[in-house]
Amino acid sequence: MLQLTLDFLGQQLGRLKPARLARARVDRPVIWKHGITVRIVFRPRARRYLLGLQPDGTARLVIPRRGSEAEGFRFLERSEAWLLKRVAQWRSRSQARQPWVAGTRFLFRGEEVALRVEKEESRLRLCFPGQIISVPHALPDYREVILKYLRRMAEGELPVRTRELALLHGISVHRVSVRAQKTRWGSCSARGTISLNWRLIQAPSHVVDYLIIHELMHRREMNHSPRYWNLVAKAFPDYRRAEQWLKSSRLEMSY
């Protein structure tokens, strides 16, 4: 989620009365300027104000533990131009987006496959190579059903494969998470947490292995120095072919 941050203004917020904060701390949606729905959410663990645009086109304004709704709206006002730009981009993508119906083609394990919709008594089956998804009734767009299914597959497969490769290369991993990053395929934290993009389930197996190796090698070198790339090349000699596939494929992070 795209977001802006505002440093926490402790002195100013400290002057707010506790009773006033208590009455206001209820999550709720509001209709703001330009017809934009803004969901106000209070998060005790947040340290600063956060503003982001959700996949459904609504905005989300996070109020930190000692923040106020009034200051949150002032932050929203200052961020108006940023938010309007993101909303315009979202509307443009939404208008251009075609529904996923029978015959729609998409990537799965590196191959472009076609969606089949079959009737089965009182239910429908969504089919693509080796996979069947049962749905109770017809929908005008099966995109979300299929993408949720693919994400569940990724959540089951990617951590297992990561630990297999980590064991093979003698690398310790603290945790493996599968996420929906918008700008990267994976990451590795200093504590040993490997985060992978669920959309990798759509890539061929050699690309998945390369991206996992790419992150695992950061457990030895937390940079992209020549020494790091030597480690990658030793563990995965054909990594340039995997990089080329990512650059030339239609696999995207934006849906």
Protein backbone atom coordinates (compact mmCIF):
# COMPACT_ATOMS: atom_id res chain seq x y z
CA MET A 1 0.00 0.00 0.00
CA LEU A 2 1.30 3.38 -0.96
CA GLN A 3 1.59 5.61 2.09
CA LEU A 4 2.75 8.93 3.39
CA THR A 5 4.05 9.52 6.90
CA LEU A 6 3.97 12.46 9.28
CA ASP A 7 6.44 12.58 12.15
CA PHE A 8 4.70 12.40 15.49
CA LEU A 9 4.31 15.84 17.05
CA GLY A 10 4.54 14.94 20.71
CA GLN A 11 4.31 18.38 22.25
CA GLN A 12 1.28 19.43 20.26
CA LEU A 13 -0.56 16.15 20.82
CA GLY A 14 0.26 16.22 24.51
CA ARG A 15 -1.99 19.24 24.94
CA LEU A 16 -5.07 17.29 23.87
CA LYS A 17 -7.41 16.31 26.70
CA PRO A 18 -7.62 12.54 27.46
CA ALA A 19 -11.43 12.62 27.58
CA ARG A 20 -11.57 14.12 24.10
CA LEU A 21 -9.32 11.38 22.74
CA ALA A 22 -11.37 8.64 24.35
CA ARG A 23 -14.60 9.81 22.69
CA ALA A 24 -13.00 10.02 19.25
CA ARG A 25 -11.16 6.69 19.08
CA VAL A 26 -13.69 4.70 17.07
CA ASP A 27 -12.83 3.41 13.61
CA ARG A 28 -15.25 4.79 11.05
CA PRO A 29 -15.58 5.74 7.36
CA VAL A 30 -16.20 9.34 6.31
CA ILE A 31 -16.98 10.88 2.94
CA TRP A 32 -14.29 13.46 2.28
CA LYS A 33 -13.66 15.90 -0.59
CA HIS A 34 -14.18 14.80 -4.20
CA GLY A 35 -16.43 11.97 -2.96
CA ILE A 36 -13.45 10.00 -1.62
CA THR A 37 -14.27 7.62 1.22
CA VAL A 38 -11.67 7.83 3.98
CA ARG A 39 -11.61 5.14 6.64
CA ILE A 40 -10.33 6.52 9.95
CA VAL A 41 -8.56 3.82 11.96
CA PHE A 42 -6.88 4.15 15.35
CA ARG A 43 -3.83 1.96 15.91
CA PRO A 44 -2.22 1.92 19.39
CA ARG A 45 1.05 0.57 17.95
CA ALA A 46 1.36 3.22 15.23
CA ARG A 47 3.99 5.90 15.86
CA ARG A 48 2.96 8.37 13.15
CA TYR A 49 0.09 9.31 10.91
CA LEU A 50 -0.25 7.13 7.81
CA LEU A 51 -2.28 7.67 4.66
CA GLY A 52 -2.75 5.11 1.93
CA LEU A 53 -5.05 4.10 -0.89
CA GLN A 54 -6.70 0.68 -0.60
CA PRO A 55 -7.27 -1.74 -3.53
CA ASP A 56 -10.98 -0.82 -3.56
CA GLY A 57 -10.22 2.88 -4.09
CA THR A 58 -10.93 4.03 -0.54
CA ALA A 59 -8.34 5.90 1.52
CA ARG A 60 -7.11 4.70 4.92
CA LEU A 61 -5.98 7.24 7.50
CA VAL A 62 -4.17 5.76 10.51
CA ILE A 63 -4.16 7.75 13.75
CA PRO A 64 -1.31 6.86 16.16
CA ARG A 65 -1.73 6.04 19.82
CA ARG A 66 -1.55 9.60 21.15
CA GLY A 67 -2.77 11.26 17.97
CA SER A 68 -6.03 13.03 17.32
CA GLU A 69 -8.59 12.85 14.57
CA ALA A 70 -8.33 16.62 14.13
CA GLU A 71 -4.59 16.43 13.45
CA GLY A 72 -5.25 13.45 11.19
CA PHE A 73 -7.56 15.54 9.03
CA ARG A 74 -4.97 18.31 8.88
CA PHE A 75 -2.50 15.70 7.63
CA LEU A 76 -5.12 14.59 5.10
CA GLU A 77 -5.56 18.17 3.87
CA ARG A 78 -1.81 18.59 3.40
CA SER A 79 -1.73 15.30 1.48
CA GLU A 80 -4.67 16.15 -0.79
CA ALA A 81 -2.62 16.49 -3.99
CA TRP A 82 -0.84 13.18 -3.34
CA LEU A 83 -4.12 11.38 -2.65
CA LEU A 84 -5.90 12.81 -5.69
CA LYS A 85 -3.05 11.64 -7.91
CA ARG A 86 -3.26 8.11 -6.51
CA VAL A 87 -7.07 8.04 -6.84
CA ALA A 88 -6.79 9.15 -10.48
CA GLN A 89 -4.29 6.36 -11.16
CA TRP A 90 -6.57 3.83 -9.45
CA ARG A 91 -9.59 4.94 -11.49
CA SER A 92 -7.58 4.72 -14.70
CA ARG A 93 -6.48 1.17 -13.89
CA SER A 94 -10.01 0.16 -12.87
CA GLN A 95 -11.51 1.38 -16.12
CA ALA A 96 -8.87 -0.43 -18.16
CA ARG A 97 -9.12 -3.67 -16.19
CA GLN A 98 -10.98 -6.42 -18.02
CA PRO A 99 -12.97 -9.04 -16.08
CA TRP A 100 -11.63 -12.58 -15.87
CA VAL A 101 -14.16 -14.87 -17.55
CA ALA A 102 -14.07 -18.13 -19.51
CA GLY A 103 -11.17 -17.95 -21.96
CA THR A 104 -9.16 -15.36 -19.99
CA ARG A 105 -5.45 -16.11 -20.18
CA PHE A 106 -3.03 -15.61 -17.28
CA LEU A 107 0.35 -16.84 -16.08
CA PHE A 108 0.63 -19.95 -13.92
CA ARG A 109 3.99 -21.56 -13.14
CA GLY A 110 5.55 -19.72 -16.05
CA GLU A 111 3.00 -20.75 -18.67
CA GLU A 112 0.12 -18.74 -20.12
CA VAL A 113 -3.02 -20.75 -19.36
CA ALA A 114 -6.68 -20.30 -20.29
CA LEU A 115 -9.50 -20.27 -17.76
CA ARG A 116 -12.30 -22.78 -18.30
CA VAL A 117 -15.67 -22.45 -16.58
CA GLU A 118 -17.62 -25.72 -16.32
CA LYS A 119 -21.03 -26.48 -14.83
CA GLU A 120 -21.22 -29.18 -12.18
CA GLU A 121 -24.78 -29.81 -10.93
CA SER A 122 -25.64 -26.75 -8.83
CA ARG A 123 -22.08 -25.36 -8.76
CA LEU A 124 -19.44 -24.17 -11.18
CA ARG A 125 -15.84 -25.27 -11.59
CA LEU A 126 -13.05 -22.91 -12.57
CA CYS A 127 -10.36 -24.95 -14.27
CA PHE A 128 -6.81 -24.39 -15.45
CA PRO A 129 -3.97 -26.93 -15.80
CA GLY A 130 -3.98 -29.23 -12.80
CA GLN A 131 -6.29 -27.01 -10.76
CA ILE A 132 -10.03 -26.93 -10.05
CA ILE A 133 -11.78 -24.23 -8.00
CA SER A 134 -15.40 -24.84 -7.02
CA VAL A 135 -17.69 -21.79 -6.78
CA PRO A 136 -21.37 -21.76 -5.77
CA HIS A 137 -22.62 -19.58 -8.63
CA ALA A 138 -21.58 -17.61 -11.69
CA LEU A 139 -19.77 -14.29 -11.26
CA PRO A 140 -19.20 -11.46 -13.72
CA ASP A 141 -15.48 -11.51 -12.86
CA TYR A 142 -13.51 -14.49 -11.48
CA ARG A 143 -10.28 -12.53 -11.01
CA GLU A 144 -10.41 -12.24 -7.21
CA VAL A 145 -11.42 -15.89 -6.75
CA ILE A 146 -8.45 -17.10 -8.80
CA LEU A 147 -5.92 -14.69 -7.31
CA LYS A 148 -6.93 -15.65 -3.75
CA TYR A 149 -6.55 -19.30 -4.72
CA LEU A 150 -3.08 -18.66 -6.17
CA ARG A 151 -2.03 -16.77 -3.08
CA ARG A 152 -3.05 -19.68 -0.84
CA MET A 153 -0.99 -21.97 -3.05
CA ALA A 154 2.00 -19.65 -2.71
CA GLU A 155 1.60 -19.50 1.07
CA GLY A 156 1.78 -23.28 1.16
CA GLU A 157 4.62 -23.82 -1.31
CA LEU A 158 7.07 -20.92 -1.07
CA PRO A 159 8.04 -21.30 2.63
CA VAL A 160 8.65 -25.02 2.15
CA ARG A 161 10.87 -24.45 -0.88
CA THR A 162 12.75 -21.66 0.90
CA ARG A 163 13.62 -23.92 3.83
CA GLU A 164 14.69 -26.70 1.46
CA LEU A 165 17.12 -24.40 -0.33
CA ALA A 166 18.30 -22.88 2.94
CA LEU A 167 19.13 -26.35 4.25
CA LEU A 168 20.87 -27.27 0.98
CA HIS A 169 23.14 -24.21 1.21
CA GLY A 170 23.66 -24.33 4.98
CA ILE A 171 21.88 -21.04 5.67
CA SER A 172 19.81 -20.35 8.76
CA VAL A 173 16.43 -18.68 8.33
CA HIS A 174 14.43 -17.21 11.18
CA ARG A 175 11.07 -16.97 9.43
CA VAL A 176 9.54 -17.08 5.94
CA SER A 177 6.59 -14.90 5.08
CA VAL A 178 4.54 -14.62 1.89
CA ARG A 179 3.27 -11.12 1.19
CA ALA A 180 1.76 -8.91 -1.52
CA GLN A 181 4.61 -6.46 -2.12
CA LYS A 182 3.99 -3.86 -4.80
CA THR A 183 7.58 -3.06 -5.77
CA ARG A 184 9.75 -6.12 -5.06
CA TRP A 185 9.76 -9.88 -5.44
CA GLY A 186 11.38 -10.55 -2.10
CA SER A 187 13.46 -9.25 0.77
CA CYS A 188 15.70 -10.44 3.58
CA SER A 189 15.92 -8.76 6.97
CA ALA A 190 18.97 -8.59 9.22
CA ARG A 191 17.16 -10.92 11.66
CA GLY A 192 16.84 -13.61 9.00
CA THR A 193 13.23 -13.17 7.88
CA ILE A 194 12.73 -13.95 4.20
CA SER A 195 9.69 -12.28 2.64
CA LEU A 196 8.50 -13.44 -0.77
CA ASN A 197 5.88 -12.08 -3.15
CA TRP A 198 2.96 -14.51 -3.54
CA ARG A 199 2.85 -13.78 -7.30
CA LEU A 200 5.95 -15.93 -7.69
CA ILE A 201 3.52 -18.86 -7.94
CA GLN A 202 2.95 -17.58 -11.48
CA ALA A 203 6.65 -17.82 -12.40
CA PRO A 204 8.51 -20.93 -13.62
CA SER A 205 10.26 -23.03 -11.00
CA HIS A 206 13.79 -21.91 -11.97
CA VAL A 207 12.78 -18.26 -11.48
CA VAL A 208 11.25 -19.05 -8.08
CA ASP A 209 14.42 -20.86 -7.02
CA TYR A 210 16.58 -17.99 -8.22
CA LEU A 211 14.62 -15.38 -6.27
CA ILE A 212 14.75 -17.50 -3.14
CA ILE A 213 18.52 -17.97 -3.59
CA HIS A 214 18.82 -14.22 -4.20
CA GLU A 215 17.34 -13.52 -0.77
CA LEU A 216 19.13 -16.37 0.99
CA MET A 217 22.52 -15.06 -0.14
CA HIS A 218 21.72 -11.83 1.70
CA ARG A 219 22.11 -13.87 4.89
CA ARG A 220 25.82 -13.87 4.01
CA GLU A 221 26.10 -10.48 2.33
CA MET A 222 23.50 -7.78 3.12
CA ASN A 223 24.31 -5.81 -0.04
CA HIS A 224 24.65 -6.18 -3.81
CA SER A 225 28.43 -6.00 -3.97
CA PRO A 226 30.56 -8.10 -6.37
CA ARG A 227 31.13 -10.50 -3.49
CA TYR A 228 27.37 -10.93 -3.11
CA TRP A 229 26.84 -11.63 -6.82
CA ASN A 230 29.68 -14.15 -6.74
CA LEU A 231 27.77 -16.00 -4.01
CA VAL A 232 24.60 -15.93 -6.12
CA ALA A 233 26.44 -17.18 -9.21
CA LYS A 234 28.00 -20.03 -7.26
CA ALA A 235 24.66 -21.11 -5.77
CA PHE A 236 22.65 -20.50 -8.96
CA PRO A 237 24.88 -20.30 -12.06
CA ASP A 238 21.98 -19.68 -14.45
CA TYR A 239 20.66 -16.65 -12.56
CA ARG A 240 20.93 -14.32 -15.56
CA ARG A 241 18.36 -16.40 -17.47
CA ALA A 242 15.97 -16.06 -14.53
CA GLU A 243 16.56 -12.30 -14.42
CA GLN A 244 15.84 -12.09 -18.15
CA TRP A 245 12.55 -13.96 -17.74
CA LEU A 246 11.41 -11.49 -15.10
CA LYS A 247 12.24 -8.57 -17.36
CA SER A 248 10.52 -9.99 -20.42
CA SER A 249 7.46 -11.68 -18.85
CA ARG A 250 4.00 -10.23 -18.31
CA LEU A 251 4.16 -11.03 -14.62
CA GLU A 252 3.09 -7.93 -12.70
CA MET A 253 2.82 -6.91 -9.06
CA SER A 254 0.01 -4.40 -9.45
CA TYR A 255 -3.12 -6.55 -9.32
